[in-house]
Amino acid sequence: MVAPMWRLIAAVLAFLAFSAAFAGTGALDRIKASEIIRIAYAPNAYPISFKDAEGVPRGYSVDLCRHIVTAVQQALGLDALEIAWIEGNTPRRVAAVANAEADIECGTTTMTLSRQRQVDFSNVVFVESGGILVKSDRGLRGLEDLAGRKVGVVPETTTERRLRPALIERGIELELVPIRDAKDGRERLIADELDAVAGDRLVLIGQVAETGKAEDFGIVDAKFSVEPYAFALPRNDADFRLEVNRGLAEVYRGGEIERIFQRWFGEDSAPTRLLETLYFIYGFAD
């Protein structure tokens, strides 16, 4: 009975040693070994990142990530690269990357210095501003009109962190109610559980578009934040970050970024001057 026990202990130790060595490798090594890239995405942030009726991830950020996957596949010389999708709101996605559960996240994550204590980031992929969604028949036109109201916000997001000091600065007292994501906030707004929902302006507009009743909603004029979106990546992994930014640069340099933009924001839409400048700056030559 002693020999089998020692063999079991030896096997466990060997497995632990292998796991430790594998955990210490970079994302590119893990991806090449498994031929799988794990991507965390936002399932309810139309048109940036969402899950369609068939359960397929789609949206502006998702399209960019699919191009990144192609670039990584080519860099690693793989015949195919499978994508394992992980759903979650912004704190969940950032945590997934920080904990090595995901290799990259593609959603509506604002790049901040505090988040860079947990993860690295790709180059900027979009610039958005904060907004507040309300029902159009409530007469709410400005931030001051929300005094004493219930406003939904996803906890631990830049929206929450920047809205709180803006309210204090203007002397506005209201109740911030935690919500799961923008879709949850929209549904609770419709059910009159909330008076308003704070979030990224374009995502809130996307929630309105999904209802088919745009006339029932409005966006409060409350410019309390600027949100530079980027994709969260594992910290201290320069090789992987390079391939991610290489993939983005290829999209930015060509006409593909215009096609992606118009696909999700309308054929007559165009990037802002600021966003066009970012595309130009980050469209590095190889």
C-alpha atoms as a PDB file:
ATOM      1  CA  MET A   1       0.000   0.000   0.000  1.00  0.00           C
ATOM      2  CA  VAL A   2       2.957   2.332   0.565  1.00  0.00           C
ATOM      3  CA  ALA A   3       4.223   2.334  -3.036  1.00  0.00           C
ATOM      4  CA  PRO A   4       0.921   3.446  -4.605  1.00  0.00           C
ATOM      5  CA  MET A   5       0.685   6.277  -2.078  1.00  0.00           C
ATOM      6  CA  TRP A   6       4.141   7.532  -3.011  1.00  0.00           C
ATOM      7  CA  ARG A   7       3.259   7.308  -6.700  1.00  0.00           C
ATOM      8  CA  LEU A   8       0.116   9.367  -6.028  1.00  0.00           C
ATOM      9  CA  ILE A   9       2.106  12.007  -4.135  1.00  0.00           C
ATOM     10  CA  ALA A  10       4.697  12.128  -6.915  1.00  0.00           C
ATOM     11  CA  ALA A  11       1.969  12.549  -9.528  1.00  0.00           C
ATOM     12  CA  VAL A  12       0.357  15.390  -7.560  1.00  0.00           C
ATOM     13  CA  LEU A  13       3.696  17.162  -7.141  1.00  0.00           C
ATOM     14  CA  ALA A  14       4.435  16.780 -10.841  1.00  0.00           C
ATOM     15  CA  PHE A  15       1.023  18.204 -11.716  1.00  0.00           C
ATOM     16  CA  LEU A  16       1.512  21.172  -9.389  1.00  0.00           C
ATOM     17  CA  ALA A  17       4.951  21.843 -10.849  1.00  0.00           C
ATOM     18  CA  PHE A  18       3.524  21.736 -14.372  1.00  0.00           C
ATOM     19  CA  SER A  19       0.632  24.028 -13.420  1.00  0.00           C
ATOM     20  CA  ALA A  20       2.979  26.540 -11.797  1.00  0.00           C
ATOM     21  CA  ALA A  21       5.225  26.579 -14.848  1.00  0.00           C
ATOM     22  CA  PHE A  22       2.269  26.978 -17.208  1.00  0.00           C
ATOM     23  CA  ALA A  23       0.790  29.791 -15.098  1.00  0.00           C
ATOM     24  CA  GLY A  24       4.049  31.679 -15.369  1.00  0.00           C
ATOM     25  CA  THR A  25       4.025  31.723 -19.164  1.00  0.00           C
ATOM     26  CA  GLY A  26       2.736  34.620 -21.237  1.00  0.00           C
ATOM     27  CA  ALA A  27      -0.665  34.770 -22.911  1.00  0.00           C
ATOM     28  CA  LEU A  28       0.775  33.922 -26.320  1.00  0.00           C
ATOM     29  CA  ASP A  29       2.332  30.711 -24.968  1.00  0.00           C
ATOM     30  CA  ARG A  30      -0.931  29.705 -23.296  1.00  0.00           C
ATOM     31  CA  ILE A  31      -2.937  30.478 -26.427  1.00  0.00           C
ATOM     32  CA  LYS A  32      -0.546  28.556 -28.684  1.00  0.00           C
ATOM     33  CA  ALA A  33      -0.537  25.516 -26.400  1.00  0.00           C
ATOM     34  CA  SER A  34      -4.336  25.355 -26.102  1.00  0.00           C
ATOM     35  CA  GLU A  35      -5.262  26.891 -29.485  1.00  0.00           C
ATOM     36  CA  ILE A  36      -7.948  28.783 -27.542  1.00  0.00           C
ATOM     37  CA  ILE A  37      -8.159  32.497 -26.761  1.00  0.00           C
ATOM     38  CA  ARG A  38     -10.481  33.474 -23.900  1.00  0.00           C
ATOM     39  CA  ILE A  39     -12.348  36.753 -24.381  1.00  0.00           C
ATOM     40  CA  ALA A  40     -14.527  38.473 -21.782  1.00  0.00           C
ATOM     41  CA  TYR A  41     -17.258  40.627 -23.312  1.00  0.00           C
ATOM     42  CA  ALA A  42     -20.298  42.687 -22.322  1.00  0.00           C
ATOM     43  CA  PRO A  43     -23.536  40.879 -23.323  1.00  0.00           C
ATOM     44  CA  ASN A  44     -25.852  43.893 -22.865  1.00  0.00           C
ATOM     45  CA  ALA A  45     -23.974  46.971 -24.135  1.00  0.00           C
ATOM     46  CA  TYR A  46     -25.457  47.406 -27.631  1.00  0.00           C
ATOM     47  CA  PRO A  47     -24.026  48.541 -30.051  1.00  0.00           C
ATOM     48  CA  ILE A  48     -20.535  48.309 -28.545  1.00  0.00           C
ATOM     49  CA  SER A  49     -20.718  44.752 -27.238  1.00  0.00           C
ATOM     50  CA  PHE A  50     -23.764  42.500 -26.946  1.00  0.00           C
ATOM     51  CA  LYS A  51     -25.182  39.006 -27.441  1.00  0.00           C
ATOM     52  CA  ASP A  52     -27.594  38.687 -30.362  1.00  0.00           C
ATOM     53  CA  ALA A  53     -30.774  36.597 -30.508  1.00  0.00           C
ATOM     54  CA  GLU A  54     -28.768  33.503 -31.465  1.00  0.00           C
ATOM     55  CA  GLY A  55     -26.394  34.000 -28.523  1.00  0.00           C
ATOM     56  CA  VAL A  56     -23.500  35.192 -30.712  1.00  0.00           C
ATOM     57  CA  PRO A  57     -21.274  38.047 -29.398  1.00  0.00           C
ATOM     58  CA  ARG A  58     -21.475  41.063 -31.694  1.00  0.00           C
ATOM     59  CA  GLY A  59     -20.779  44.795 -31.732  1.00  0.00           C
ATOM     60  CA  TYR A  60     -18.103  47.398 -32.401  1.00  0.00           C
ATOM     61  CA  SER A  61     -15.659  46.133 -29.759  1.00  0.00           C
ATOM     62  CA  VAL A  62     -16.339  42.503 -30.632  1.00  0.00           C
ATOM     63  CA  ASP A  63     -15.534  43.149 -34.303  1.00  0.00           C
ATOM     64  CA  LEU A  64     -12.232  44.733 -33.291  1.00  0.00           C
ATOM     65  CA  CYS A  65     -11.457  41.746 -31.081  1.00  0.00           C
ATOM     66  CA  ARG A  66     -12.168  39.308 -33.901  1.00  0.00           C
ATOM     67  CA  HIS A  67      -9.553  41.129 -35.984  1.00  0.00           C
ATOM     68  CA  ILE A  68      -7.136  40.875 -33.050  1.00  0.00           C
ATOM     69  CA  VAL A  69      -7.785  37.120 -32.872  1.00  0.00           C
ATOM     70  CA  THR A  70      -6.890  36.799 -36.559  1.00  0.00           C
ATOM     71  CA  ALA A  71      -3.675  38.765 -35.976  1.00  0.00           C
ATOM     72  CA  VAL A  72      -2.715  36.567 -33.001  1.00  0.00           C
ATOM     73  CA  GLN A  73      -3.512  33.399 -34.951  1.00  0.00           C
ATOM     74  CA  GLN A  74      -1.260  34.512 -37.815  1.00  0.00           C
ATOM     75  CA  ALA A  75       1.532  35.564 -35.435  1.00  0.00           C
ATOM     76  CA  LEU A  76       1.465  32.126 -33.775  1.00  0.00           C
ATOM     77  CA  GLY A  77       1.254  30.256 -37.087  1.00  0.00           C
ATOM     78  CA  LEU A  78      -1.928  28.415 -36.082  1.00  0.00           C
ATOM     79  CA  ASP A  79      -4.317  26.899 -38.624  1.00  0.00           C
ATOM     80  CA  ALA A  80      -7.253  27.831 -36.396  1.00  0.00           C
ATOM     81  CA  LEU A  81      -7.852  29.638 -33.109  1.00  0.00           C
ATOM     82  CA  GLU A  82     -10.977  28.939 -31.082  1.00  0.00           C
ATOM     83  CA  ILE A  83     -12.616  31.718 -29.059  1.00  0.00           C
ATOM     84  CA  ALA A  84     -14.020  30.973 -25.606  1.00  0.00           C
ATOM     85  CA  TRP A  85     -16.411  33.793 -24.692  1.00  0.00           C
ATOM     86  CA  ILE A  86     -16.924  34.911 -21.080  1.00  0.00           C
ATOM     87  CA  GLU A  87     -19.847  37.217 -20.211  1.00  0.00           C
ATOM     88  CA  GLY A  88     -19.751  39.940 -17.591  1.00  0.00           C
ATOM     89  CA  ASN A  89     -20.132  43.600 -16.710  1.00  0.00           C
ATOM     90  CA  THR A  90     -17.066  45.857 -16.512  1.00  0.00           C
ATOM     91  CA  PRO A  91     -15.820  44.904 -13.005  1.00  0.00           C
ATOM     92  CA  ARG A  92     -16.349  41.218 -13.822  1.00  0.00           C
ATOM     93  CA  ARG A  93     -14.426  41.480 -17.115  1.00  0.00           C
ATOM     94  CA  VAL A  94     -11.497  43.341 -15.578  1.00  0.00           C
ATOM     95  CA  ALA A  95     -11.330  40.779 -12.759  1.00  0.00           C
ATOM     96  CA  ALA A  96     -11.403  37.921 -15.298  1.00  0.00           C
ATOM     97  CA  VAL A  97      -8.318  39.323 -17.026  1.00  0.00           C
ATOM     98  CA  ALA A  98      -6.566  40.138 -13.739  1.00  0.00           C
ATOM     99  CA  ASN A  99      -7.169  36.577 -12.494  1.00  0.00           C
ATOM    100  CA  ALA A 100      -5.991  34.957 -15.768  1.00  0.00           C
ATOM    101  CA  GLU A 101      -9.494  33.639 -16.428  1.00  0.00           C
ATOM    102  CA  ALA A 102      -9.572  35.653 -19.678  1.00  0.00           C
ATOM    103  CA  ASP A 103      -6.747  36.662 -22.014  1.00  0.00           C
ATOM    104  CA  ILE A 104      -8.426  39.894 -23.136  1.00  0.00           C
ATOM    105  CA  GLU A 105     -11.731  41.688 -22.641  1.00  0.00           C
ATOM    106  CA  CYS A 106     -13.686  43.438 -25.347  1.00  0.00           C
ATOM    107  CA  GLY A 107     -16.430  45.675 -24.081  1.00  0.00           C
ATOM    108  CA  THR A 108     -16.958  49.176 -22.732  1.00  0.00           C
ATOM    109  CA  THR A 109     -14.056  49.405 -20.296  1.00  0.00           C
ATOM    110  CA  THR A 110     -12.611  52.838 -19.580  1.00  0.00           C
ATOM    111  CA  MET A 111      -8.838  52.905 -19.233  1.00  0.00           C
ATOM    112  CA  THR A 112      -7.927  54.439 -15.861  1.00  0.00           C
ATOM    113  CA  LEU A 113      -4.808  54.621 -13.716  1.00  0.00           C
ATOM    114  CA  SER A 114      -6.504  52.754 -10.867  1.00  0.00           C
ATOM    115  CA  ARG A 115      -7.420  49.854 -13.166  1.00  0.00           C
ATOM    116  CA  GLN A 116      -3.824  49.694 -14.369  1.00  0.00           C
ATOM    117  CA  ARG A 117      -2.958  48.400 -10.906  1.00  0.00           C
ATOM    118  CA  GLN A 118      -4.848  45.238 -11.930  1.00  0.00           C
ATOM    119  CA  VAL A 119      -4.461  45.011 -15.710  1.00  0.00           C
ATOM    120  CA  ASP A 120      -2.698  46.529 -18.684  1.00  0.00           C
ATOM    121  CA  PHE A 121      -4.584  48.023 -21.621  1.00  0.00           C
ATOM    122  CA  SER A 122      -4.499  48.048 -25.382  1.00  0.00           C
ATOM    123  CA  ASN A 123      -4.364  51.306 -27.269  1.00  0.00           C
ATOM    124  CA  VAL A 124      -7.601  53.318 -27.138  1.00  0.00           C
ATOM    125  CA  VAL A 125     -10.444  51.935 -29.277  1.00  0.00           C
ATOM    126  CA  PHE A 126     -13.213  54.493 -28.618  1.00  0.00           C
ATOM    127  CA  VAL A 127     -13.979  57.697 -26.707  1.00  0.00           C
ATOM    128  CA  GLU A 128     -17.351  58.119 -25.024  1.00  0.00           C
ATOM    129  CA  SER A 129     -18.983  60.433 -22.477  1.00  0.00           C
ATOM    130  CA  GLY A 130     -21.215  59.742 -19.505  1.00  0.00           C
ATOM    131  CA  GLY A 131     -24.978  60.182 -19.752  1.00  0.00           C
ATOM    132  CA  ILE A 132     -28.196  59.615 -17.804  1.00  0.00           C
ATOM    133  CA  LEU A 133     -31.222  57.858 -19.291  1.00  0.00           C
ATOM    134  CA  VAL A 134     -34.716  58.974 -18.211  1.00  0.00           C
ATOM    135  CA  LYS A 135     -38.304  58.626 -19.369  1.00  0.00           C
ATOM    136  CA  SER A 136     -39.246  61.521 -21.634  1.00  0.00           C
ATOM    137  CA  ASP A 137     -42.530  62.235 -19.848  1.00  0.00           C
ATOM    138  CA  ARG A 138     -40.922  62.881 -16.451  1.00  0.00           C
ATOM    139  CA  GLY A 139     -39.730  66.420 -17.184  1.00  0.00           C
ATOM    140  CA  LEU A 140     -36.132  65.637 -16.187  1.00  0.00           C
ATOM    141  CA  ARG A 141     -33.817  67.855 -18.228  1.00  0.00           C
ATOM    142  CA  GLY A 142     -30.686  68.369 -16.132  1.00  0.00           C
ATOM    143  CA  LEU A 143     -28.678  66.818 -13.336  1.00  0.00           C
ATOM    144  CA  GLU A 144     -30.321  69.131 -10.811  1.00  0.00           C
ATOM    145  CA  ASP A 145     -33.746  67.684 -11.692  1.00  0.00           C
ATOM    146  CA  LEU A 146     -32.624  64.321 -10.308  1.00  0.00           C
ATOM    147  CA  ALA A 147     -32.398  65.573  -6.721  1.00  0.00           C
ATOM    148  CA  GLY A 148     -34.191  63.145  -4.411  1.00  0.00           C
ATOM    149  CA  ARG A 149     -34.572  60.563  -7.184  1.00  0.00           C
ATOM    150  CA  LYS A 150     -33.354  56.985  -7.590  1.00  0.00           C
ATOM    151  CA  VAL A 151     -30.595  56.648 -10.196  1.00  0.00           C
ATOM    152  CA  GLY A 152     -29.278  53.237 -11.245  1.00  0.00           C
ATOM    153  CA  VAL A 153     -25.557  52.744 -11.800  1.00  0.00           C
ATOM    154  CA  VAL A 154     -23.254  49.731 -12.104  1.00  0.00           C
ATOM    155  CA  PRO A 155     -21.037  49.646  -8.973  1.00  0.00           C
ATOM    156  CA  GLU A 156     -17.252  50.004  -9.272  1.00  0.00           C
ATOM    157  CA  THR A 157     -17.429  51.614 -12.713  1.00  0.00           C
ATOM    158  CA  THR A 158     -15.969  54.922 -13.843  1.00  0.00           C
ATOM    159  CA  THR A 159     -19.535  56.201 -14.199  1.00  0.00           C
ATOM    160  CA  GLU A 160     -20.135  55.720 -10.479  1.00  0.00           C
ATOM    161  CA  ARG A 161     -16.722  57.078  -9.482  1.00  0.00           C
ATOM    162  CA  ARG A 162     -17.113  60.251 -11.552  1.00  0.00           C
ATOM    163  CA  LEU A 163     -20.797  60.830 -10.926  1.00  0.00           C
ATOM    164  CA  ARG A 164     -20.458  60.893  -7.129  1.00  0.00           C
ATOM    165  CA  PRO A 165     -18.041  63.870  -6.964  1.00  0.00           C
ATOM    166  CA  ALA A 166     -20.050  65.686  -9.665  1.00  0.00           C
ATOM    167  CA  LEU A 167     -23.148  65.409  -7.457  1.00  0.00           C
ATOM    168  CA  ILE A 168     -21.248  66.575  -4.369  1.00  0.00           C
ATOM    169  CA  GLU A 169     -19.769  69.530  -6.263  1.00  0.00           C
ATOM    170  CA  ARG A 170     -23.250  70.659  -7.363  1.00  0.00           C
ATOM    171  CA  GLY A 171     -24.868  69.938  -3.998  1.00  0.00           C
ATOM    172  CA  ILE A 172     -27.289  67.382  -5.451  1.00  0.00           C
ATOM    173  CA  GLU A 173     -28.533  64.625  -3.155  1.00  0.00           C
ATOM    174  CA  LEU A 174     -30.035  61.506  -4.701  1.00  0.00           C
ATOM    175  CA  GLU A 175     -29.994  57.741  -4.206  1.00  0.00           C
ATOM    176  CA  LEU A 176     -27.577  55.723  -6.336  1.00  0.00           C
ATOM    177  CA  VAL A 177     -29.035  52.241  -6.773  1.00  0.00           C
ATOM    178  CA  PRO A 178     -26.778  49.354  -7.894  1.00  0.00           C
ATOM    179  CA  ILE A 179     -27.710  47.633 -11.172  1.00  0.00           C
ATOM    180  CA  ARG A 180     -26.131  44.702 -13.042  1.00  0.00           C
ATOM    181  CA  ASP A 181     -25.693  46.432 -16.398  1.00  0.00           C
ATOM    182  CA  ALA A 182     -27.351  48.930 -18.757  1.00  0.00           C
ATOM    183  CA  LYS A 183     -30.055  46.460 -19.828  1.00  0.00           C
ATOM    184  CA  ASP A 184     -30.984  45.751 -16.207  1.00  0.00           C
ATOM    185  CA  GLY A 185     -31.157  49.510 -15.597  1.00  0.00           C
ATOM    186  CA  ARG A 186     -33.377  50.071 -18.627  1.00  0.00           C
ATOM    187  CA  GLU A 187     -35.811  47.365 -17.551  1.00  0.00           C
ATOM    188  CA  ARG A 188     -36.009  48.731 -14.016  1.00  0.00           C
ATOM    189  CA  LEU A 189     -36.517  52.231 -15.410  1.00  0.00           C
ATOM    190  CA  ILE A 190     -39.422  50.987 -17.520  1.00  0.00           C
ATOM    191  CA  ALA A 191     -40.876  49.260 -14.441  1.00  0.00           C
ATOM    192  CA  ASP A 192     -40.648  52.568 -12.507  1.00  0.00           C
ATOM    193  CA  GLU A 193     -38.233  51.048  -9.993  1.00  0.00           C
ATOM    194  CA  LEU A 194     -35.750  53.770 -10.992  1.00  0.00           C
ATOM    195  CA  ASP A 195     -36.104  57.394 -12.061  1.00  0.00           C
ATOM    196  CA  ALA A 196     -32.947  57.364 -14.186  1.00  0.00           C
ATOM    197  CA  VAL A 197     -29.975  55.223 -15.245  1.00  0.00           C
ATOM    198  CA  ALA A 198     -26.402  56.535 -15.410  1.00  0.00           C
ATOM    199  CA  GLY A 199     -23.880  55.016 -17.798  1.00  0.00           C
ATOM    200  CA  ASP A 200     -21.945  55.534 -21.011  1.00  0.00           C
ATOM    201  CA  ARG A 201     -24.065  57.720 -23.284  1.00  0.00           C
ATOM    202  CA  LEU A 202     -23.821  55.577 -26.433  1.00  0.00           C
ATOM    203  CA  VAL A 203     -24.635  52.382 -24.554  1.00  0.00           C
ATOM    204  CA  LEU A 204     -27.720  54.050 -23.075  1.00  0.00           C
ATOM    205  CA  ILE A 205     -28.776  55.175 -26.559  1.00  0.00           C
ATOM    206  CA  GLY A 206     -28.307  51.582 -27.695  1.00  0.00           C
ATOM    207  CA  GLN A 207     -30.649  50.411 -24.947  1.00  0.00           C
ATOM    208  CA  VAL A 208     -33.261  52.862 -26.197  1.00  0.00           C
ATOM    209  CA  ALA A 209     -32.820  51.672 -29.803  1.00  0.00           C
ATOM    210  CA  GLU A 210     -33.500  48.081 -28.759  1.00  0.00           C
ATOM    211  CA  THR A 211     -36.931  49.032 -27.413  1.00  0.00           C
ATOM    212  CA  GLY A 212     -38.084  50.515 -30.726  1.00  0.00           C
ATOM    213  CA  LYS A 213     -39.687  53.354 -28.735  1.00  0.00           C
ATOM    214  CA  ALA A 214     -37.065  56.099 -28.778  1.00  0.00           C
ATOM    215  CA  GLU A 215     -39.736  58.745 -28.167  1.00  0.00           C
ATOM    216  CA  ASP A 216     -40.357  57.305 -24.694  1.00  0.00           C
ATOM    217  CA  PHE A 217     -36.834  58.118 -23.480  1.00  0.00           C
ATOM    218  CA  GLY A 218     -34.386  60.963 -23.215  1.00  0.00           C
ATOM    219  CA  ILE A 219     -30.754  61.530 -22.242  1.00  0.00           C
ATOM    220  CA  VAL A 220     -30.195  64.118 -19.492  1.00  0.00           C
ATOM    221  CA  ASP A 221     -27.637  66.757 -20.392  1.00  0.00           C
ATOM    222  CA  ALA A 222     -25.123  65.874 -17.680  1.00  0.00           C
ATOM    223  CA  LYS A 223     -21.548  65.847 -18.940  1.00  0.00           C
ATOM    224  CA  PHE A 224     -19.795  64.445 -15.903  1.00  0.00           C
ATOM    225  CA  SER A 225     -17.161  62.210 -17.529  1.00  0.00           C
ATOM    226  CA  VAL A 226     -15.114  61.330 -20.604  1.00  0.00           C
ATOM    227  CA  GLU A 227     -14.593  57.605 -21.159  1.00  0.00           C
ATOM    228  CA  PRO A 228     -11.611  56.406 -23.257  1.00  0.00           C
ATOM    229  CA  TYR A 229     -12.370  52.751 -23.995  1.00  0.00           C
ATOM    230  CA  ALA A 230      -9.519  50.243 -24.274  1.00  0.00           C
ATOM    231  CA  PHE A 231      -9.214  46.465 -23.979  1.00  0.00           C
ATOM    232  CA  ALA A 232      -7.956  45.107 -20.662  1.00  0.00           C
ATOM    233  CA  LEU A 233      -4.939  42.794 -20.974  1.00  0.00           C
ATOM    234  CA  PRO A 234      -2.749  40.821 -18.543  1.00  0.00           C
ATOM    235  CA  ARG A 235      -0.190  42.962 -16.759  1.00  0.00           C
ATOM    236  CA  ASN A 236       3.495  42.728 -17.679  1.00  0.00           C
ATOM    237  CA  ASP A 237       2.921  40.836 -20.931  1.00  0.00           C
ATOM    238  CA  ALA A 238       4.490  43.072 -23.548  1.00  0.00           C
ATOM    239  CA  ASP A 239       4.551  40.416 -26.280  1.00  0.00           C
ATOM    240  CA  PHE A 240       0.805  39.849 -26.119  1.00  0.00           C
ATOM    241  CA  ARG A 241       0.055  43.573 -25.874  1.00  0.00           C
ATOM    242  CA  LEU A 242       2.183  44.136 -28.983  1.00  0.00           C
ATOM    243  CA  GLU A 243       0.178  41.609 -31.005  1.00  0.00           C
ATOM    244  CA  VAL A 244      -3.109  43.117 -29.785  1.00  0.00           C
ATOM    245  CA  ASN A 245      -2.004  46.619 -30.771  1.00  0.00           C
ATOM    246  CA  ARG A 246      -0.640  45.284 -34.066  1.00  0.00           C
ATOM    247  CA  GLY A 247      -4.084  43.896 -34.865  1.00  0.00           C
ATOM    248  CA  LEU A 248      -5.758  47.196 -33.967  1.00  0.00           C
ATOM    249  CA  ALA A 249      -3.226  49.180 -36.020  1.00  0.00           C
ATOM    250  CA  GLU A 250      -3.966  47.078 -39.095  1.00  0.00           C
ATOM    251  CA  VAL A 251      -7.676  47.884 -38.750  1.00  0.00           C
ATOM    252  CA  TYR A 252      -7.016  51.584 -38.128  1.00  0.00           C
ATOM    253  CA  ARG A 253      -4.629  51.990 -41.091  1.00  0.00           C
ATOM    254  CA  GLY A 254      -7.019  50.581 -43.661  1.00  0.00           C
ATOM    255  CA  GLY A 255     -10.634  51.240 -44.442  1.00  0.00           C
ATOM    256  CA  GLU A 256     -11.909  48.475 -42.175  1.00  0.00           C
ATOM    257  CA  ILE A 257     -12.384  50.791 -39.179  1.00  0.00           C
ATOM    258  CA  GLU A 258     -14.788  52.937 -41.233  1.00  0.00           C
ATOM    259  CA  ARG A 259     -16.801  49.857 -42.207  1.00  0.00           C
ATOM    260  CA  ILE A 260     -16.960  48.649 -38.599  1.00  0.00           C
ATOM    261  CA  PHE A 261     -17.993  52.105 -37.380  1.00  0.00           C
ATOM    262  CA  GLN A 262     -20.784  52.451 -39.925  1.00  0.00           C
ATOM    263  CA  ARG A 263     -21.954  48.883 -39.342  1.00  0.00           C
ATOM    264  CA  TRP A 264     -22.778  49.679 -35.712  1.00  0.00           C
ATOM    265  CA  PHE A 265     -23.484  53.411 -35.691  1.00  0.00           C
ATOM    266  CA  GLY A 266     -25.259  53.826 -39.047  1.00  0.00           C
ATOM    267  CA  GLU A 267     -24.250  54.234 -42.678  1.00  0.00           C
ATOM    268  CA  ASP A 268     -24.422  58.020 -42.415  1.00  0.00           C
ATOM    269  CA  SER A 269     -22.372  58.167 -39.210  1.00  0.00           C
ATOM    270  CA  ALA A 270     -18.727  59.160 -38.938  1.00  0.00           C
ATOM    271  CA  PRO A 271     -16.179  59.145 -36.112  1.00  0.00           C
ATOM    272  CA  THR A 272     -15.656  62.393 -34.229  1.00  0.00           C
ATOM    273  CA  ARG A 273     -12.541  64.442 -34.961  1.00  0.00           C
ATOM    274  CA  LEU A 274     -11.059  63.175 -31.699  1.00  0.00           C
ATOM    275  CA  LEU A 275     -11.714  59.547 -32.604  1.00  0.00           C
ATOM    276  CA  GLU A 276     -10.338  60.033 -36.127  1.00  0.00           C
ATOM    277  CA  THR A 277      -7.177  61.474 -34.574  1.00  0.00           C
ATOM    278  CA  LEU A 278      -6.844  58.452 -32.286  1.00  0.00           C
ATOM    279  CA  TYR A 279      -7.246  56.085 -35.248  1.00  0.00           C
ATOM    280  CA  PHE A 280      -4.497  58.012 -37.061  1.00  0.00           C
ATOM    281  CA  ILE A 281      -2.152  58.049 -34.060  1.00  0.00           C
ATOM    282  CA  TYR A 282      -2.594  54.368 -33.215  1.00  0.00           C
ATOM    283  CA  GLY A 283      -2.482  53.148 -36.812  1.00  0.00           C
ATOM    284  CA  PHE A 284       1.243  52.561 -36.409  1.00  0.00           C
ATOM    285  CA  ALA A 285       3.275  51.290 -39.345  1.00  0.00           C
ATOM    286  CA  ASP A 286       4.706  47.827 -38.729  1.00  0.00           C
END
